[in-house]
Amino acid sequence: MSAQNLKNYRKYYPLHHFVFYPLSLVLLIFSVFKIFTFINVNENLVWVWAAISAVIILMIVLSFMLRQHYALGLQDRLILNEFKFRYFTLSGSRLENQTYHFSDSQIFALRFSEDEDLLKLMNKTIENDWSSSQIKQNIKNWKADNKRI
């Protein structure tokens, strides 16, 4: 596996991204094609294929939403707790005692920083009120998160 950085930190789930979604898209295209095939021939079949198309669209949307929602919600909680512990280990104080309150997205970006750079990067974030993308762009030593969902 190559070293993780700003350009390659996204992760794909092969069964969803490269099997389920392409097959669903092919089925959707086929069902829409069938709608236009039967549009002037048999009105009943048009409605059947329209219903099939609607079901396929619903399956695609629901599978994407559910897969992402549960996994990412849990992952967010874990990342926040891990980051709070990491900050306590490095600084000796609780993150909640900071006068500046980091947003979740800022914490999610800061977690990619190595321990040696983390406190400096946090101070720069406080001074400049950086967004998560600005934080990621200013990370000198990228700490890989290979267990992401």
C-alpha atoms as a PDB file:
ATOM      1  CA  MET A   1       0.000   0.000   0.000  1.00  0.00           C
ATOM      2  CA  SER A   2       1.375   3.437  -0.890  1.00  0.00           C
ATOM      3  CA  ALA A   3       1.864   6.146   1.738  1.00  0.00           C
ATOM      4  CA  GLN A   4      -1.350   8.009   2.466  1.00  0.00           C
ATOM      5  CA  ASN A   5      -1.493  11.729   1.654  1.00  0.00           C
ATOM      6  CA  LEU A   6      -3.873  14.502   0.550  1.00  0.00           C
ATOM      7  CA  LYS A   7      -4.290  13.063  -2.948  1.00  0.00           C
ATOM      8  CA  ASN A   8      -5.017   9.417  -2.041  1.00  0.00           C
ATOM      9  CA  TYR A   9      -6.677   9.363   1.396  1.00  0.00           C
ATOM     10  CA  ARG A  10     -10.161   8.488   0.097  1.00  0.00           C
ATOM     11  CA  LYS A  11     -11.163   4.852   0.332  1.00  0.00           C
ATOM     12  CA  TYR A  12     -13.444   2.787  -1.878  1.00  0.00           C
ATOM     13  CA  TYR A  13     -15.502  -0.277  -1.006  1.00  0.00           C
ATOM     14  CA  PRO A  14     -15.093  -2.470  -4.117  1.00  0.00           C
ATOM     15  CA  LEU A  15     -18.389  -4.394  -3.867  1.00  0.00           C
ATOM     16  CA  HIS A  16     -20.396  -1.175  -3.664  1.00  0.00           C
ATOM     17  CA  HIS A  17     -18.379   1.139  -5.878  1.00  0.00           C
ATOM     18  CA  PHE A  18     -17.301  -1.284  -8.591  1.00  0.00           C
ATOM     19  CA  VAL A  19     -19.952  -4.062  -8.597  1.00  0.00           C
ATOM     20  CA  PHE A  20     -23.297  -3.070  -7.043  1.00  0.00           C
ATOM     21  CA  TYR A  21     -23.502   0.504  -8.361  1.00  0.00           C
ATOM     22  CA  PRO A  22     -22.365  -0.279 -11.931  1.00  0.00           C
ATOM     23  CA  LEU A  23     -24.764  -3.240 -12.141  1.00  0.00           C
ATOM     24  CA  SER A  24     -27.577  -1.109 -10.734  1.00  0.00           C
ATOM     25  CA  LEU A  25     -26.812   1.582 -13.271  1.00  0.00           C
ATOM     26  CA  VAL A  26     -26.866  -0.974 -16.114  1.00  0.00           C
ATOM     27  CA  LEU A  27     -30.231  -2.291 -14.871  1.00  0.00           C
ATOM     28  CA  LEU A  28     -31.576   1.251 -14.653  1.00  0.00           C
ATOM     29  CA  ILE A  29     -30.447   2.061 -18.190  1.00  0.00           C
ATOM     30  CA  PHE A  30     -31.971  -1.201 -19.428  1.00  0.00           C
ATOM     31  CA  SER A  31     -35.303  -0.493 -17.714  1.00  0.00           C
ATOM     32  CA  VAL A  32     -35.443   3.066 -19.071  1.00  0.00           C
ATOM     33  CA  PHE A  33     -34.626   1.685 -22.525  1.00  0.00           C
ATOM     34  CA  LYS A  34     -37.543  -0.751 -22.143  1.00  0.00           C
ATOM     35  CA  ILE A  35     -39.863   2.130 -21.239  1.00  0.00           C
ATOM     36  CA  PHE A  36     -39.046   3.834 -24.537  1.00  0.00           C
ATOM     37  CA  THR A  37     -39.284   0.528 -26.427  1.00  0.00           C
ATOM     38  CA  PHE A  38     -42.862  -0.057 -25.271  1.00  0.00           C
ATOM     39  CA  ILE A  39     -44.041   3.562 -25.227  1.00  0.00           C
ATOM     40  CA  ASN A  40     -46.029   3.254 -28.481  1.00  0.00           C
ATOM     41  CA  VAL A  41     -46.581  -0.506 -28.393  1.00  0.00           C
ATOM     42  CA  ASN A  42     -48.033  -1.440 -25.005  1.00  0.00           C
ATOM     43  CA  GLU A  43     -48.921   1.167 -22.384  1.00  0.00           C
ATOM     44  CA  ASN A  44     -49.217  -1.441 -19.620  1.00  0.00           C
ATOM     45  CA  LEU A  45     -45.626  -2.571 -20.126  1.00  0.00           C
ATOM     46  CA  VAL A  46     -44.467   1.065 -20.004  1.00  0.00           C
ATOM     47  CA  TRP A  47     -45.900   1.379 -16.502  1.00  0.00           C
ATOM     48  CA  VAL A  48     -44.335  -1.924 -15.432  1.00  0.00           C
ATOM     49  CA  TRP A  49     -40.889  -0.817 -16.615  1.00  0.00           C
ATOM     50  CA  ALA A  50     -41.401   2.609 -15.047  1.00  0.00           C
ATOM     51  CA  ALA A  51     -42.138   0.917 -11.721  1.00  0.00           C
ATOM     52  CA  ILE A  52     -39.060  -1.298 -12.116  1.00  0.00           C
ATOM     53  CA  SER A  53     -36.971   1.811 -12.840  1.00  0.00           C
ATOM     54  CA  ALA A  54     -38.323   3.532  -9.745  1.00  0.00           C
ATOM     55  CA  VAL A  55     -37.502   0.499  -7.582  1.00  0.00           C
ATOM     56  CA  ILE A  56     -33.944   0.380  -8.962  1.00  0.00           C
ATOM     57  CA  ILE A  57     -33.455   4.094  -8.258  1.00  0.00           C
ATOM     58  CA  LEU A  58     -34.783   3.609  -4.733  1.00  0.00           C
ATOM     59  CA  MET A  59     -32.405   0.659  -4.173  1.00  0.00           C
ATOM     60  CA  ILE A  60     -29.402   2.693  -5.319  1.00  0.00           C
ATOM     61  CA  VAL A  61     -30.238   5.691  -3.150  1.00  0.00           C
ATOM     62  CA  LEU A  62     -31.087   3.673  -0.043  1.00  0.00           C
ATOM     63  CA  SER A  63     -28.031   1.437  -0.284  1.00  0.00           C
ATOM     64  CA  PHE A  64     -25.767   4.472  -0.577  1.00  0.00           C
ATOM     65  CA  MET A  65     -27.418   6.329   2.285  1.00  0.00           C
ATOM     66  CA  LEU A  66     -27.547   3.413   4.717  1.00  0.00           C
ATOM     67  CA  ARG A  67     -24.052   2.139   4.010  1.00  0.00           C
ATOM     68  CA  GLN A  68     -22.555   5.550   4.561  1.00  0.00           C
ATOM     69  CA  HIS A  69     -24.759   6.758   7.389  1.00  0.00           C
ATOM     70  CA  TYR A  70     -24.134   4.047   9.956  1.00  0.00           C
ATOM     71  CA  ALA A  71     -20.449   3.515   9.279  1.00  0.00           C
ATOM     72  CA  LEU A  72     -19.573   7.202   9.125  1.00  0.00           C
ATOM     73  CA  GLY A  73     -21.564   8.093  12.221  1.00  0.00           C
ATOM     74  CA  LEU A  74     -19.694   5.522  14.269  1.00  0.00           C
ATOM     75  CA  GLN A  75     -16.382   6.444  12.693  1.00  0.00           C
ATOM     76  CA  ASP A  76     -16.904  10.115  13.555  1.00  0.00           C
ATOM     77  CA  ARG A  77     -17.467   9.289  17.219  1.00  0.00           C
ATOM     78  CA  LEU A  78     -14.365   7.113  17.325  1.00  0.00           C
ATOM     79  CA  ILE A  79     -12.195   9.736  15.632  1.00  0.00           C
ATOM     80  CA  LEU A  80     -13.337  12.464  18.045  1.00  0.00           C
ATOM     81  CA  ASN A  81     -12.582  10.303  21.088  1.00  0.00           C
ATOM     82  CA  GLU A  82      -9.235   9.134  19.714  1.00  0.00           C
ATOM     83  CA  PHE A  83      -8.275  12.731  18.950  1.00  0.00           C
ATOM     84  CA  LYS A  84      -9.225  13.920  22.440  1.00  0.00           C
ATOM     85  CA  PHE A  85      -7.087  11.162  23.946  1.00  0.00           C
ATOM     86  CA  ARG A  86      -4.211  11.954  21.595  1.00  0.00           C
ATOM     87  CA  TYR A  87      -4.387  15.648  22.478  1.00  0.00           C
ATOM     88  CA  PHE A  88      -4.418  14.826  26.201  1.00  0.00           C
ATOM     89  CA  THR A  89      -1.404  12.539  25.746  1.00  0.00           C
ATOM     90  CA  LEU A  90       0.563  15.239  23.904  1.00  0.00           C
ATOM     91  CA  SER A  91      -0.455  18.306  25.910  1.00  0.00           C
ATOM     92  CA  GLY A  92      -1.451  17.002  29.335  1.00  0.00           C
ATOM     93  CA  SER A  93      -4.732  18.923  29.231  1.00  0.00           C
ATOM     94  CA  ARG A  94      -8.215  18.189  27.981  1.00  0.00           C
ATOM     95  CA  LEU A  95      -9.321  19.451  24.577  1.00  0.00           C
ATOM     96  CA  GLU A  96     -12.598  20.601  26.112  1.00  0.00           C
ATOM     97  CA  ASN A  97     -10.654  23.082  28.301  1.00  0.00           C
ATOM     98  CA  GLN A  98      -9.389  24.979  25.235  1.00  0.00           C
ATOM     99  CA  THR A  99     -10.829  28.465  24.766  1.00  0.00           C
ATOM    100  CA  TYR A 100     -11.042  27.828  21.007  1.00  0.00           C
ATOM    101  CA  HIS A 101     -13.554  25.100  20.184  1.00  0.00           C
ATOM    102  CA  PHE A 102     -12.566  23.082  17.144  1.00  0.00           C
ATOM    103  CA  SER A 103     -15.338  21.986  14.813  1.00  0.00           C
ATOM    104  CA  ASP A 104     -15.694  18.293  14.052  1.00  0.00           C
ATOM    105  CA  SER A 105     -14.429  18.838  10.502  1.00  0.00           C
ATOM    106  CA  GLN A 106     -11.314  20.610  11.820  1.00  0.00           C
ATOM    107  CA  ILE A 107     -10.616  17.704  14.187  1.00  0.00           C
ATOM    108  CA  PHE A 108     -11.162  15.226  11.362  1.00  0.00           C
ATOM    109  CA  ALA A 109      -8.523  17.086   9.331  1.00  0.00           C
ATOM    110  CA  LEU A 110      -6.086  17.519  12.226  1.00  0.00           C
ATOM    111  CA  ARG A 111      -6.002  13.780  12.871  1.00  0.00           C
ATOM    112  CA  PHE A 112      -3.898  13.323   9.723  1.00  0.00           C
ATOM    113  CA  SER A 113      -1.013  15.265  11.287  1.00  0.00           C
ATOM    114  CA  GLU A 114       1.894  13.448  12.945  1.00  0.00           C
ATOM    115  CA  ASP A 115       2.303  13.940  16.707  1.00  0.00           C
ATOM    116  CA  GLU A 116       5.384  16.168  16.304  1.00  0.00           C
ATOM    117  CA  ASP A 117       3.423  18.687  14.218  1.00  0.00           C
ATOM    118  CA  LEU A 118      -0.034  18.404  15.772  1.00  0.00           C
ATOM    119  CA  LEU A 119       0.157  21.036  18.520  1.00  0.00           C
ATOM    120  CA  LYS A 120       1.812  23.581  16.180  1.00  0.00           C
ATOM    121  CA  LEU A 121      -0.820  22.922  13.531  1.00  0.00           C
ATOM    122  CA  MET A 122      -3.578  23.310  16.118  1.00  0.00           C
ATOM    123  CA  ASN A 123      -2.122  26.687  17.183  1.00  0.00           C
ATOM    124  CA  LYS A 124      -1.978  27.846  13.558  1.00  0.00           C
ATOM    125  CA  THR A 125      -5.575  26.702  13.104  1.00  0.00           C
ATOM    126  CA  ILE A 126      -6.612  28.740  16.146  1.00  0.00           C
ATOM    127  CA  GLU A 127      -4.714  31.826  14.906  1.00  0.00           C
ATOM    128  CA  ASN A 128      -6.067  31.646  11.347  1.00  0.00           C
ATOM    129  CA  ASP A 129      -9.400  29.859  11.900  1.00  0.00           C
ATOM    130  CA  TRP A 130      -8.526  27.408   9.124  1.00  0.00           C
ATOM    131  CA  SER A 131     -11.113  25.217   7.470  1.00  0.00           C
ATOM    132  CA  SER A 132     -10.562  21.461   7.240  1.00  0.00           C
ATOM    133  CA  SER A 133      -9.213  21.719   3.685  1.00  0.00           C
ATOM    134  CA  GLN A 134      -6.757  24.451   4.734  1.00  0.00           C
ATOM    135  CA  ILE A 135      -5.602  22.268   7.632  1.00  0.00           C
ATOM    136  CA  LYS A 136      -5.015  19.293   5.313  1.00  0.00           C
ATOM    137  CA  GLN A 137      -3.040  21.462   2.905  1.00  0.00           C
ATOM    138  CA  ASN A 138      -0.766  22.615   5.753  1.00  0.00           C
ATOM    139  CA  ILE A 139       0.067  19.163   7.084  1.00  0.00           C
ATOM    140  CA  LYS A 140       3.798  18.574   6.633  1.00  0.00           C
ATOM    141  CA  ASN A 141       3.988  14.930   7.734  1.00  0.00           C
ATOM    142  CA  TRP A 142       0.828  13.030   6.811  1.00  0.00           C
ATOM    143  CA  LYS A 143      -0.250  10.380   9.324  1.00  0.00           C
ATOM    144  CA  ALA A 144      -2.067   7.646   7.459  1.00  0.00           C
ATOM    145  CA  ASP A 145      -5.512   6.503   8.587  1.00  0.00           C
ATOM    146  CA  ASN A 146      -5.687   3.145   6.816  1.00  0.00           C
ATOM    147  CA  LYS A 147      -8.591   1.818   8.879  1.00  0.00           C
ATOM    148  CA  ARG A 148     -11.118   4.347   7.591  1.00  0.00           C
ATOM    149  CA  ILE A 149     -14.560   3.288   6.388  1.00  0.00           C
END
